[in-house]
Amino acid sequence: MTVAVIGKDVAVTDKDLHFYEPKDGHGLKHDPFNAIVAPRPIGWVSSRDAEGNVNLAPYSFFNGFCYTPPIIGFSSTSWKDSVENIQETKEFCWNLATMALAKHMNATAAHVARDVNEFELAGLTQAPSRLVNVPRVGESPVSFECRLCDIIQLKGANGEKAQAWLTLGEVVAVHIDKAMIKDGVYQTAMARPIVRAGRKGDYFEIRPEAMFEMVRPD
């Protein structure tokens, strides 16, 4: 069903809907879930394990969750190196993935041994952080230094645990390239961030001409 509102008149028309219950399968060539919940920011997370090995990996289930204190989080669909590292050291960094860094970011998605440094694999610079012992992506225009708040294993409505872990971290330091700030305002689209758009490799690039403003009614 769809509802079209024209002035004070409401017209209801029928649509030919594809309906499914996820527990029974979607019946399509590719699961539409992560293409529908899109675009999604990329959690490009750098971390370090207790032995000092550095890891850098992108996560497509990522977002911000709180203003005060500022909290971000990413969900890993299995217990991966990033989660293990953060559990051990209680800190990590988030780095903004941009169009200029798209291929570098994609290179860090490779499945490699725990002791392989993805910064080196992708040809990226390990920039030192101020408050945490985890390197930032030097080429990224924005990075957050974070301290662990919680790691939560997700579960379904029936209480059954999922093979997914939500890692939440408080942002304790922020690095912004001043070129992205105009008249005291951070210009989101100026950095040309990329965002996930479903399937195995679909992305969007955020461009200034694609942005529009709507002022809240309150």
N, C-alpha and C. Protein backbone atom coordinates (compact mmCIF):
# COMPACT_ATOMS: atom_id res chain seq x y z
N MET A 1 0.84 -1.20 0.00
CA MET A 1 0.00 0.00 0.00
C MET A 1 0.88 1.25 0.00
N THR A 2 0.44 2.27 -0.69
CA THR A 2 1.13 3.55 -0.64
C THR A 2 0.10 4.65 -0.45
N VAL A 3 0.46 5.68 0.28
CA VAL A 3 -0.46 6.79 0.53
C VAL A 3 0.14 8.05 -0.08
N ALA A 4 -0.59 8.68 -0.98
CA ALA A 4 -0.15 9.92 -1.60
C ALA A 4 -0.96 11.06 -1.01
N VAL A 5 -0.29 12.08 -0.47
CA VAL A 5 -0.98 13.20 0.15
C VAL A 5 -0.89 14.42 -0.76
N ILE A 6 -2.04 14.94 -1.20
CA ILE A 6 -2.10 16.13 -2.04
C ILE A 6 -3.02 17.11 -1.33
N GLY A 7 -2.43 18.16 -0.76
CA GLY A 7 -3.23 19.09 0.03
C GLY A 7 -3.83 18.35 1.21
N LYS A 8 -5.18 18.39 1.30
CA LYS A 8 -5.85 17.69 2.38
C LYS A 8 -6.46 16.37 1.91
N ASP A 9 -6.27 16.05 0.62
CA ASP A 9 -6.82 14.82 0.08
C ASP A 9 -5.81 13.68 0.20
N VAL A 10 -6.28 12.52 0.59
CA VAL A 10 -5.42 11.35 0.72
C VAL A 10 -5.89 10.28 -0.24
N ALA A 11 -5.02 9.88 -1.17
CA ALA A 11 -5.35 8.84 -2.13
C ALA A 11 -4.57 7.58 -1.80
N VAL A 12 -5.24 6.43 -1.74
CA VAL A 12 -4.60 5.17 -1.43
C VAL A 12 -4.64 4.28 -2.66
N THR A 13 -3.49 3.76 -3.06
CA THR A 13 -3.42 2.88 -4.22
C THR A 13 -2.71 1.60 -3.83
N ASP A 14 -3.01 0.53 -4.55
CA ASP A 14 -2.37 -0.76 -4.29
C ASP A 14 -1.07 -0.87 -5.06
N LYS A 15 -0.13 -1.55 -4.44
CA LYS A 15 1.14 -1.86 -5.09
C LYS A 15 1.33 -3.36 -5.10
N ASP A 16 2.04 -3.84 -6.11
CA ASP A 16 2.38 -5.26 -6.18
C ASP A 16 3.62 -5.47 -5.32
N LEU A 17 3.45 -5.93 -4.08
CA LEU A 17 4.53 -6.02 -3.11
C LEU A 17 5.20 -7.39 -3.10
N HIS A 18 6.52 -7.35 -2.99
CA HIS A 18 7.26 -8.59 -2.72
C HIS A 18 7.31 -8.73 -1.20
N PHE A 19 6.68 -9.76 -0.66
CA PHE A 19 6.63 -9.97 0.79
C PHE A 19 7.36 -11.25 1.15
N TYR A 20 8.11 -11.19 2.26
CA TYR A 20 8.75 -12.42 2.75
C TYR A 20 9.03 -12.28 4.23
N GLU A 21 9.17 -13.40 4.90
CA GLU A 21 9.61 -13.45 6.28
C GLU A 21 11.06 -13.92 6.26
N PRO A 22 11.99 -13.12 6.80
CA PRO A 22 13.41 -13.45 6.72
C PRO A 22 13.76 -14.87 7.16
N LYS A 23 13.05 -15.41 8.13
CA LYS A 23 13.35 -16.76 8.60
C LYS A 23 13.12 -17.82 7.52
N ASP A 24 12.29 -17.47 6.50
CA ASP A 24 11.98 -18.41 5.43
C ASP A 24 12.76 -18.14 4.15
N GLY A 25 13.62 -17.11 4.18
CA GLY A 25 14.36 -16.73 2.98
C GLY A 25 13.68 -15.61 2.23
N HIS A 26 14.46 -14.89 1.43
CA HIS A 26 13.94 -13.70 0.75
C HIS A 26 13.42 -13.99 -0.66
N GLY A 27 13.83 -15.10 -1.25
CA GLY A 27 13.34 -15.46 -2.57
C GLY A 27 13.87 -14.62 -3.71
N LEU A 28 14.94 -13.88 -3.49
CA LEU A 28 15.54 -13.05 -4.53
C LEU A 28 16.97 -13.52 -4.83
N LYS A 29 17.60 -12.92 -5.83
CA LYS A 29 18.97 -13.30 -6.17
C LYS A 29 19.97 -12.88 -5.10
N HIS A 30 19.63 -11.82 -4.37
CA HIS A 30 20.52 -11.32 -3.32
C HIS A 30 19.68 -10.77 -2.19
N ASP A 31 20.10 -11.02 -0.96
CA ASP A 31 19.37 -10.52 0.20
C ASP A 31 19.25 -9.00 0.12
N PRO A 32 18.03 -8.46 0.10
CA PRO A 32 17.86 -7.01 -0.07
C PRO A 32 18.07 -6.19 1.20
N PHE A 33 18.22 -6.84 2.35
CA PHE A 33 18.24 -6.13 3.62
C PHE A 33 19.25 -4.98 3.65
N ASN A 34 20.52 -5.29 3.33
CA ASN A 34 21.53 -4.23 3.47
C ASN A 34 21.52 -3.26 2.30
N ALA A 35 20.72 -3.55 1.26
CA ALA A 35 20.53 -2.58 0.19
C ALA A 35 19.38 -1.64 0.51
N ILE A 36 18.43 -2.11 1.31
CA ILE A 36 17.31 -1.28 1.73
C ILE A 36 17.74 -0.34 2.85
N VAL A 37 18.47 -0.86 3.82
CA VAL A 37 18.99 -0.03 4.91
C VAL A 37 20.27 0.62 4.40
N ALA A 38 20.10 1.62 3.55
CA ALA A 38 21.24 2.23 2.87
C ALA A 38 20.87 3.66 2.46
N PRO A 39 21.87 4.53 2.29
CA PRO A 39 23.29 4.23 2.48
C PRO A 39 23.68 4.21 3.95
N ARG A 40 24.77 3.52 4.23
CA ARG A 40 25.26 3.41 5.59
C ARG A 40 26.70 3.91 5.66
N PRO A 41 27.04 4.70 6.70
CA PRO A 41 28.43 5.11 6.87
C PRO A 41 29.32 3.88 7.05
N ILE A 42 30.58 4.07 6.75
CA ILE A 42 31.55 2.97 6.85
C ILE A 42 32.34 3.10 8.14
N GLY A 43 32.36 2.02 8.90
CA GLY A 43 33.17 1.99 10.11
C GLY A 43 34.58 1.51 9.78
N TRP A 44 35.43 2.45 9.38
CA TRP A 44 36.82 2.10 9.03
C TRP A 44 37.63 2.17 10.32
N VAL A 45 37.82 1.01 10.93
CA VAL A 45 38.29 0.93 12.31
C VAL A 45 39.74 0.45 12.39
N SER A 46 40.56 1.22 13.06
CA SER A 46 41.93 0.79 13.34
C SER A 46 42.03 0.39 14.81
N SER A 47 42.80 -0.66 15.06
CA SER A 47 42.94 -1.17 16.42
C SER A 47 44.31 -1.80 16.59
N ARG A 48 44.63 -2.13 17.83
CA ARG A 48 45.92 -2.76 18.14
C ARG A 48 45.68 -3.84 19.18
N ASP A 49 46.31 -5.00 19.01
CA ASP A 49 46.12 -6.05 20.00
C ASP A 49 47.12 -5.91 21.15
N ALA A 50 47.01 -6.78 22.13
CA ALA A 50 47.85 -6.69 23.33
C ALA A 50 49.33 -6.86 23.02
N GLU A 51 49.65 -7.55 21.90
CA GLU A 51 51.05 -7.76 21.52
C GLU A 51 51.59 -6.63 20.65
N GLY A 52 50.73 -5.68 20.29
CA GLY A 52 51.16 -4.54 19.49
C GLY A 52 50.85 -4.64 18.01
N ASN A 53 50.26 -5.75 17.56
CA ASN A 53 49.90 -5.87 16.15
C ASN A 53 48.77 -4.91 15.80
N VAL A 54 48.90 -4.23 14.68
CA VAL A 54 47.93 -3.23 14.25
C VAL A 54 46.99 -3.82 13.21
N ASN A 55 45.71 -3.44 13.29
CA ASN A 55 44.71 -3.91 12.35
C ASN A 55 43.91 -2.72 11.83
N LEU A 56 43.50 -2.80 10.58
CA LEU A 56 42.64 -1.77 9.98
C LEU A 56 41.61 -2.48 9.11
N ALA A 57 40.33 -2.26 9.37
CA ALA A 57 39.28 -2.97 8.64
C ALA A 57 38.01 -2.14 8.54
N PRO A 58 37.28 -2.26 7.42
CA PRO A 58 36.01 -1.55 7.25
C PRO A 58 34.81 -2.40 7.67
N TYR A 59 33.83 -1.74 8.28
CA TYR A 59 32.59 -2.40 8.70
C TYR A 59 31.41 -1.60 8.16
N SER A 60 30.46 -2.31 7.53
CA SER A 60 29.34 -1.59 6.90
C SER A 60 28.17 -1.36 7.85
N PHE A 61 28.17 -2.03 9.01
CA PHE A 61 27.15 -1.74 10.03
C PHE A 61 27.80 -0.81 11.05
N PHE A 62 27.64 0.49 10.83
CA PHE A 62 28.32 1.50 11.65
C PHE A 62 27.45 2.74 11.75
N ASN A 63 27.51 3.41 12.91
CA ASN A 63 26.82 4.70 13.03
C ASN A 63 27.17 5.38 14.34
N GLY A 64 26.60 6.58 14.51
CA GLY A 64 26.72 7.30 15.77
C GLY A 64 25.47 7.04 16.60
N PHE A 65 25.62 7.00 17.93
CA PHE A 65 24.50 6.62 18.79
C PHE A 65 24.19 7.61 19.91
N CYS A 66 25.10 8.54 20.18
CA CYS A 66 24.85 9.46 21.30
C CYS A 66 25.67 10.73 21.10
N TYR A 67 25.07 11.88 21.49
CA TYR A 67 25.78 13.16 21.45
C TYR A 67 26.69 13.34 22.66
N THR A 68 26.11 13.14 23.85
CA THR A 68 26.83 13.42 25.10
C THR A 68 26.77 12.23 26.05
N PRO A 69 27.85 11.49 26.22
CA PRO A 69 29.11 11.65 25.49
C PRO A 69 28.96 11.15 24.05
N PRO A 70 29.82 11.61 23.15
CA PRO A 70 29.73 11.13 21.77
C PRO A 70 30.10 9.65 21.70
N ILE A 71 29.19 8.83 21.21
CA ILE A 71 29.41 7.38 21.14
C ILE A 71 29.16 6.90 19.72
N ILE A 72 30.09 6.12 19.19
CA ILE A 72 29.92 5.49 17.89
C ILE A 72 29.96 3.98 18.09
N GLY A 73 29.50 3.25 17.08
CA GLY A 73 29.53 1.81 17.22
C GLY A 73 29.52 1.11 15.88
N PHE A 74 30.08 -0.10 15.87
CA PHE A 74 30.05 -0.92 14.66
C PHE A 74 29.72 -2.34 15.06
N SER A 75 29.05 -3.04 14.15
CA SER A 75 28.70 -4.44 14.40
C SER A 75 29.50 -5.34 13.49
N SER A 76 30.13 -6.34 14.08
CA SER A 76 30.91 -7.33 13.34
C SER A 76 30.08 -8.60 13.24
N THR A 77 29.89 -9.12 12.02
CA THR A 77 29.05 -10.29 11.83
C THR A 77 29.75 -11.61 12.17
N SER A 78 30.89 -11.53 12.77
CA SER A 78 31.56 -12.67 13.41
C SER A 78 32.61 -12.06 14.34
N TRP A 79 33.20 -12.91 15.18
CA TRP A 79 34.21 -12.40 16.12
C TRP A 79 35.52 -12.21 15.36
N LYS A 80 35.74 -10.98 14.87
CA LYS A 80 36.89 -10.69 14.02
C LYS A 80 38.02 -10.03 14.82
N ASP A 81 39.16 -9.83 14.13
CA ASP A 81 40.34 -9.28 14.79
C ASP A 81 40.07 -7.94 15.46
N SER A 82 39.29 -7.07 14.80
CA SER A 82 39.02 -5.75 15.38
C SER A 82 38.37 -5.87 16.74
N VAL A 83 37.37 -6.74 16.84
CA VAL A 83 36.66 -6.91 18.12
C VAL A 83 37.59 -7.51 19.17
N GLU A 84 38.35 -8.50 18.77
CA GLU A 84 39.31 -9.13 19.69
C GLU A 84 40.32 -8.11 20.20
N ASN A 85 40.85 -7.29 19.28
CA ASN A 85 41.84 -6.28 19.67
C ASN A 85 41.25 -5.27 20.64
N ILE A 86 40.04 -4.80 20.34
CA ILE A 86 39.42 -3.78 21.18
C ILE A 86 39.07 -4.35 22.55
N GLN A 87 38.67 -5.60 22.59
CA GLN A 87 38.41 -6.23 23.89
C GLN A 87 39.69 -6.28 24.72
N GLU A 88 40.82 -6.53 24.07
CA GLU A 88 42.10 -6.63 24.78
C GLU A 88 42.62 -5.28 25.26
N THR A 89 42.55 -4.25 24.40
CA THR A 89 43.21 -2.98 24.72
C THR A 89 42.24 -1.85 25.10
N LYS A 90 40.93 -2.06 24.86
CA LYS A 90 39.88 -1.09 25.25
C LYS A 90 39.93 0.22 24.49
N GLU A 91 40.52 0.21 23.29
CA GLU A 91 40.57 1.46 22.52
C GLU A 91 40.67 1.17 21.02
N PHE A 92 40.26 2.17 20.23
CA PHE A 92 40.34 2.04 18.78
C PHE A 92 40.19 3.42 18.15
N CYS A 93 40.35 3.48 16.83
CA CYS A 93 40.12 4.72 16.09
C CYS A 93 39.15 4.45 14.95
N TRP A 94 38.35 5.46 14.63
CA TRP A 94 37.52 5.42 13.44
C TRP A 94 38.07 6.45 12.47
N ASN A 95 38.10 6.08 11.17
CA ASN A 95 38.67 6.93 10.14
C ASN A 95 37.66 7.11 9.01
N LEU A 96 37.46 8.33 8.55
CA LEU A 96 36.49 8.60 7.50
C LEU A 96 36.99 8.05 6.17
N ALA A 97 36.16 7.22 5.53
CA ALA A 97 36.48 6.69 4.20
C ALA A 97 35.93 7.64 3.15
N THR A 98 36.78 8.09 2.26
CA THR A 98 36.40 9.05 1.23
C THR A 98 36.61 8.46 -0.16
N MET A 99 36.12 9.18 -1.18
CA MET A 99 36.28 8.71 -2.55
C MET A 99 37.76 8.56 -2.90
N ALA A 100 38.57 9.49 -2.43
CA ALA A 100 40.01 9.43 -2.72
C ALA A 100 40.68 8.22 -2.08
N LEU A 101 40.06 7.70 -1.02
CA LEU A 101 40.65 6.58 -0.29
C LEU A 101 39.88 5.28 -0.50
N ALA A 102 38.94 5.28 -1.45
CA ALA A 102 38.06 4.12 -1.64
C ALA A 102 38.83 2.83 -1.91
N LYS A 103 39.77 2.87 -2.82
CA LYS A 103 40.53 1.65 -3.16
C LYS A 103 41.41 1.21 -2.00
N HIS A 104 41.93 2.16 -1.26
CA HIS A 104 42.73 1.82 -0.08
C HIS A 104 41.86 1.15 0.97
N MET A 105 40.66 1.72 1.17
CA MET A 105 39.73 1.15 2.14
C MET A 105 39.36 -0.27 1.75
N ASN A 106 39.08 -0.46 0.47
CA ASN A 106 38.69 -1.79 -0.01
C ASN A 106 39.81 -2.80 0.19
N ALA A 107 41.05 -2.37 0.04
CA ALA A 107 42.20 -3.26 0.23
C ALA A 107 42.29 -3.75 1.67
N THR A 108 41.83 -2.94 2.61
CA THR A 108 41.91 -3.33 4.02
C THR A 108 40.81 -4.32 4.40
N ALA A 109 39.91 -4.62 3.47
CA ALA A 109 38.86 -5.61 3.72
C ALA A 109 39.35 -7.04 3.46
N ALA A 110 40.57 -7.17 2.99
CA ALA A 110 41.11 -8.50 2.67
C ALA A 110 41.21 -9.37 3.93
N HIS A 111 40.93 -10.65 3.77
CA HIS A 111 41.07 -11.60 4.87
C HIS A 111 42.53 -12.04 4.95
N VAL A 112 43.23 -11.54 5.95
CA VAL A 112 44.66 -11.83 6.09
C VAL A 112 44.94 -12.29 7.52
N ALA A 113 46.13 -12.79 7.75
CA ALA A 113 46.52 -13.27 9.08
C ALA A 113 46.51 -12.13 10.09
N ARG A 114 46.34 -12.49 11.35
CA ARG A 114 46.21 -11.51 12.42
C ARG A 114 47.42 -10.59 12.53
N ASP A 115 48.58 -11.09 12.19
CA ASP A 115 49.80 -10.27 12.33
C ASP A 115 50.11 -9.43 11.09
N VAL A 116 49.24 -9.46 10.08
CA VAL A 116 49.45 -8.65 8.88
C VAL A 116 48.90 -7.24 9.13
N ASN A 117 49.72 -6.25 8.84
CA ASN A 117 49.34 -4.85 9.05
C ASN A 117 48.64 -4.33 7.80
N GLU A 118 47.33 -4.06 7.89
CA GLU A 118 46.57 -3.60 6.73
C GLU A 118 46.96 -2.18 6.30
N PHE A 119 47.53 -1.39 7.19
CA PHE A 119 48.04 -0.08 6.79
C PHE A 119 49.10 -0.28 5.70
N GLU A 120 50.02 -1.19 5.96
CA GLU A 120 51.09 -1.46 5.00
C GLU A 120 50.53 -2.12 3.74
N LEU A 121 49.58 -3.00 3.91
CA LEU A 121 48.97 -3.70 2.78
C LEU A 121 48.32 -2.72 1.82
N ALA A 122 47.67 -1.68 2.36
CA ALA A 122 46.94 -0.71 1.54
C ALA A 122 47.75 0.54 1.22
N GLY A 123 49.00 0.60 1.68
CA GLY A 123 49.84 1.77 1.41
C GLY A 123 49.39 3.02 2.13
N LEU A 124 48.96 2.87 3.37
CA LEU A 124 48.47 3.99 4.16
C LEU A 124 49.43 4.37 5.28
N THR A 125 49.32 5.60 5.73
CA THR A 125 50.21 6.10 6.78
C THR A 125 49.61 5.89 8.16
N GLN A 126 50.42 5.35 9.08
CA GLN A 126 50.01 5.22 10.47
C GLN A 126 50.32 6.52 11.20
N ALA A 127 49.30 7.34 11.38
CA ALA A 127 49.49 8.62 12.09
C ALA A 127 49.26 8.39 13.58
N PRO A 128 50.13 8.94 14.43
CA PRO A 128 49.96 8.73 15.87
C PRO A 128 48.74 9.45 16.41
N SER A 129 48.09 8.84 17.37
CA SER A 129 46.96 9.45 18.06
C SER A 129 47.47 10.22 19.27
N ARG A 130 46.61 11.01 19.90
CA ARG A 130 46.99 11.81 21.06
C ARG A 130 46.68 11.10 22.38
N LEU A 131 45.51 10.45 22.45
CA LEU A 131 45.06 9.90 23.73
C LEU A 131 44.99 8.38 23.77
N VAL A 132 45.03 7.72 22.62
CA VAL A 132 44.98 6.25 22.60
C VAL A 132 46.20 5.72 21.87
N ASN A 133 46.54 4.48 22.17
CA ASN A 133 47.73 3.87 21.57
C ASN A 133 47.36 3.08 20.31
N VAL A 134 46.63 3.74 19.43
CA VAL A 134 46.20 3.14 18.16
C VAL A 134 46.45 4.16 17.05
N PRO A 135 47.05 3.76 15.94
CA PRO A 135 47.29 4.72 14.86
C PRO A 135 46.02 5.08 14.10
N ARG A 136 46.01 6.31 13.59
CA ARG A 136 44.94 6.77 12.71
C ARG A 136 45.40 6.61 11.26
N VAL A 137 44.45 6.67 10.32
CA VAL A 137 44.80 6.72 8.90
C VAL A 137 45.20 8.15 8.58
N GLY A 138 46.50 8.37 8.34
CA GLY A 138 46.99 9.72 8.13
C GLY A 138 46.35 10.43 6.95
N GLU A 139 45.97 9.68 5.93
CA GLU A 139 45.38 10.27 4.73
C GLU A 139 43.91 10.64 4.90
N SER A 140 43.26 10.15 5.94
CA SER A 140 41.84 10.42 6.14
C SER A 140 41.64 11.83 6.68
N PRO A 141 40.65 12.57 6.17
CA PRO A 141 40.43 13.94 6.63
C PRO A 141 39.82 14.04 8.03
N VAL A 142 39.23 12.96 8.52
CA VAL A 142 38.64 12.97 9.85
C VAL A 142 38.92 11.63 10.54
N SER A 143 39.32 11.71 11.80
CA SER A 143 39.50 10.50 12.60
C SER A 143 39.01 10.75 14.02
N PHE A 144 38.47 9.71 14.63
CA PHE A 144 38.06 9.74 16.03
C PHE A 144 38.93 8.79 16.82
N GLU A 145 39.41 9.25 17.96
CA GLU A 145 40.05 8.35 18.93
C GLU A 145 38.98 7.91 19.91
N CYS A 146 38.89 6.61 20.16
CA CYS A 146 37.79 6.08 20.96
C CYS A 146 38.28 5.15 22.07
N ARG A 147 37.53 5.17 23.16
CA ARG A 147 37.74 4.22 24.25
C ARG A 147 36.50 3.35 24.37
N LEU A 148 36.71 2.09 24.62
CA LEU A 148 35.63 1.11 24.64
C LEU A 148 34.59 1.40 25.72
N CYS A 149 33.33 1.38 25.33
CA CYS A 149 32.21 1.45 26.27
C CYS A 149 31.68 0.06 26.56
N ASP A 150 31.43 -0.71 25.48
CA ASP A 150 30.81 -2.03 25.67
C ASP A 150 30.94 -2.85 24.40
N ILE A 151 30.98 -4.15 24.55
CA ILE A 151 30.87 -5.09 23.44
C ILE A 151 29.68 -5.99 23.76
N ILE A 152 28.69 -5.97 22.89
CA ILE A 152 27.43 -6.66 23.14
C ILE A 152 27.19 -7.70 22.06
N GLN A 153 26.98 -8.94 22.46
CA GLN A 153 26.59 -9.95 21.48
C GLN A 153 25.10 -9.77 21.22
N LEU A 154 24.77 -9.59 19.95
CA LEU A 154 23.37 -9.35 19.59
C LEU A 154 22.55 -10.64 19.67
N LYS A 155 21.26 -10.46 19.85
CA LYS A 155 20.36 -11.62 19.90
C LYS A 155 19.04 -11.27 19.25
N GLY A 156 18.34 -12.30 18.77
CA GLY A 156 17.07 -12.10 18.11
C GLY A 156 15.94 -11.87 19.08
N ALA A 157 14.74 -11.64 18.53
CA ALA A 157 13.56 -11.40 19.36
C ALA A 157 13.23 -12.61 20.23
N ASN A 158 13.67 -13.78 19.80
CA ASN A 158 13.41 -15.00 20.57
C ASN A 158 14.47 -15.25 21.65
N GLY A 159 15.43 -14.33 21.76
CA GLY A 159 16.47 -14.46 22.76
C GLY A 159 17.67 -15.25 22.31
N GLU A 160 17.60 -15.83 21.12
CA GLU A 160 18.73 -16.62 20.62
C GLU A 160 19.87 -15.71 20.20
N LYS A 161 21.09 -16.03 20.65
CA LYS A 161 22.25 -15.20 20.34
C LYS A 161 22.64 -15.30 18.87
N ALA A 162 22.97 -14.15 18.29
CA ALA A 162 23.42 -14.08 16.90
C ALA A 162 24.95 -14.08 16.87
N GLN A 163 25.51 -14.47 15.77
CA GLN A 163 26.96 -14.41 15.60
C GLN A 163 27.34 -13.01 15.12
N ALA A 164 27.04 -12.04 15.96
CA ALA A 164 27.31 -10.63 15.66
C ALA A 164 27.56 -9.90 16.97
N TRP A 165 28.55 -9.02 16.95
CA TRP A 165 28.92 -8.29 18.16
C TRP A 165 28.94 -6.79 17.88
N LEU A 166 28.21 -6.02 18.69
CA LEU A 166 28.17 -4.56 18.58
C LEU A 166 29.21 -3.98 19.52
N THR A 167 30.17 -3.27 18.95
CA THR A 167 31.21 -2.61 19.73
C THR A 167 30.91 -1.12 19.81
N LEU A 168 30.76 -0.61 21.02
CA LEU A 168 30.47 0.80 21.24
C LEU A 168 31.66 1.49 21.89
N GLY A 169 32.00 2.67 21.38
CA GLY A 169 33.13 3.40 21.93
C GLY A 169 32.84 4.88 22.09
N GLU A 170 33.37 5.46 23.16
CA GLU A 170 33.24 6.90 23.37
C GLU A 170 34.34 7.63 22.61
N VAL A 171 33.96 8.64 21.86
CA VAL A 171 34.93 9.45 21.13
C VAL A 171 35.59 10.41 22.13
N VAL A 172 36.88 10.22 22.34
CA VAL A 172 37.60 11.05 23.33
C VAL A 172 38.49 12.09 22.67
N ALA A 173 38.69 11.98 21.35
CA ALA A 173 39.49 12.98 20.63
C ALA A 173 39.09 12.95 19.16
N VAL A 174 39.10 14.12 18.53
CA VAL A 174 38.68 14.25 17.14
C VAL A 174 39.75 14.98 16.35
N HIS A 175 40.06 14.47 15.16
CA HIS A 175 41.02 15.11 14.25
C HIS A 175 40.28 15.47 12.97
N ILE A 176 40.27 16.74 12.57
CA ILE A 176 39.59 17.19 11.36
C ILE A 176 40.56 18.03 10.52
N ASP A 177 40.69 17.68 9.26
CA ASP A 177 41.45 18.51 8.33
C ASP A 177 40.76 19.86 8.24
N LYS A 178 41.48 20.94 8.54
CA LYS A 178 40.87 22.27 8.56
C LYS A 178 40.31 22.68 7.20
N ALA A 179 40.75 22.01 6.13
CA ALA A 179 40.21 22.32 4.80
C ALA A 179 38.74 21.94 4.70
N MET A 180 38.28 21.10 5.62
CA MET A 180 36.88 20.66 5.61
C MET A 180 35.98 21.56 6.45
N ILE A 181 36.55 22.62 7.02
CA ILE A 181 35.79 23.53 7.88
C ILE A 181 35.68 24.90 7.20
N LYS A 182 34.44 25.39 7.07
CA LYS A 182 34.20 26.68 6.44
C LYS A 182 33.32 27.52 7.34
N ASP A 183 33.79 28.68 7.70
CA ASP A 183 33.05 29.59 8.59
C ASP A 183 32.63 28.89 9.87
N GLY A 184 33.51 28.06 10.39
CA GLY A 184 33.25 27.38 11.66
C GLY A 184 32.32 26.18 11.57
N VAL A 185 31.98 25.76 10.34
CA VAL A 185 31.07 24.63 10.15
C VAL A 185 31.76 23.53 9.35
N TYR A 186 31.73 22.31 9.85
CA TYR A 186 32.28 21.18 9.12
C TYR A 186 31.42 20.90 7.89
N GLN A 187 32.05 20.83 6.73
CA GLN A 187 31.35 20.63 5.46
C GLN A 187 31.36 19.15 5.10
N THR A 188 30.27 18.47 5.41
CA THR A 188 30.20 17.02 5.25
C THR A 188 30.59 16.56 3.85
N ALA A 189 29.98 17.15 2.83
CA ALA A 189 30.18 16.67 1.46
C ALA A 189 31.53 17.06 0.88
N MET A 190 32.19 18.05 1.46
CA MET A 190 33.47 18.50 0.93
C MET A 190 34.51 17.39 0.97
N ALA A 191 34.39 16.49 1.94
CA ALA A 191 35.34 15.39 2.07
C ALA A 191 35.05 14.27 1.08
N ARG A 192 33.91 14.33 0.40
CA ARG A 192 33.48 13.28 -0.52
C ARG A 192 33.49 11.90 0.14
N PRO A 193 32.77 11.76 1.28
CA PRO A 193 32.74 10.46 1.94
C PRO A 193 32.01 9.43 1.08
N ILE A 194 32.38 8.18 1.23
CA ILE A 194 31.68 7.11 0.55
C ILE A 194 30.87 6.32 1.58
N VAL A 195 29.76 5.76 1.14
CA VAL A 195 28.85 5.04 2.03
C VAL A 195 28.40 3.75 1.36
N ARG A 196 28.07 2.76 2.16
CA ARG A 196 27.67 1.45 1.63
C ARG A 196 26.24 1.47 1.11
N ALA A 197 26.03 0.71 0.03
CA ALA A 197 24.73 0.70 -0.62
C ALA A 197 24.24 -0.71 -0.94
N GLY A 198 24.70 -1.70 -0.20
CA GLY A 198 24.18 -3.04 -0.38
C GLY A 198 25.03 -3.94 -1.24
N ARG A 199 24.53 -5.16 -1.47
CA ARG A 199 25.21 -6.22 -2.20
C ARG A 199 26.63 -6.39 -1.65
N LYS A 200 27.54 -6.90 -2.48
CA LYS A 200 28.90 -7.13 -2.00
C LYS A 200 29.82 -5.94 -2.27
N GLY A 201 29.42 -5.07 -3.19
CA GLY A 201 30.34 -3.99 -3.51
C GLY A 201 29.72 -2.71 -4.01
N ASP A 202 28.49 -2.40 -3.59
CA ASP A 202 27.84 -1.17 -4.02
C ASP A 202 28.10 -0.03 -3.02
N TYR A 203 28.45 1.13 -3.54
CA TYR A 203 28.73 2.30 -2.72
C TYR A 203 28.10 3.54 -3.35
N PHE A 204 27.93 4.56 -2.53
CA PHE A 204 27.57 5.89 -3.00
C PHE A 204 28.70 6.84 -2.62
N GLU A 205 28.87 7.89 -3.41
CA GLU A 205 29.77 8.98 -3.06
C GLU A 205 28.91 10.19 -2.71
N ILE A 206 29.13 10.77 -1.54
CA ILE A 206 28.39 11.96 -1.13
C ILE A 206 29.04 13.19 -1.76
N ARG A 207 28.27 13.90 -2.56
CA ARG A 207 28.79 15.09 -3.25
C ARG A 207 27.99 16.33 -2.83
N PRO A 208 28.62 17.50 -2.86
CA PRO A 208 27.92 18.73 -2.45
C PRO A 208 26.63 18.97 -3.21
N GLU A 209 26.61 18.66 -4.52
CA GLU A 209 25.42 18.95 -5.32
C GLU A 209 24.25 18.02 -5.00
N ALA A 210 24.52 16.93 -4.26
CA ALA A 210 23.45 15.99 -3.90
C ALA A 210 22.79 16.34 -2.57
N MET A 211 23.34 17.32 -1.87
CA MET A 211 22.81 17.67 -0.56
C MET A 211 21.69 18.69 -0.67
N PHE A 212 20.75 18.62 0.27
CA PHE A 212 19.69 19.62 0.38
C PHE A 212 19.36 19.81 1.85
N GLU A 213 18.73 20.91 2.18
CA GLU A 213 18.44 21.24 3.57
C GLU A 213 16.95 21.29 3.82
N MET A 214 16.53 20.73 4.95
CA MET A 214 15.15 20.88 5.43
C MET A 214 15.22 21.27 6.89
N VAL A 215 14.62 22.41 7.24
CA VAL A 215 14.62 22.88 8.62
C VAL A 215 13.51 22.18 9.38
N ARG A 216 13.82 21.67 10.57
CA ARG A 216 12.81 20.99 11.38
C ARG A 216 11.68 21.93 11.76
N PRO A 217 10.46 21.42 11.80
CA PRO A 217 9.32 22.28 12.12
C PRO A 217 9.34 22.86 13.52
N ASP A 218 10.12 22.24 14.44
CA ASP A 218 10.18 22.79 15.80
C ASP A 218 11.30 23.78 15.93
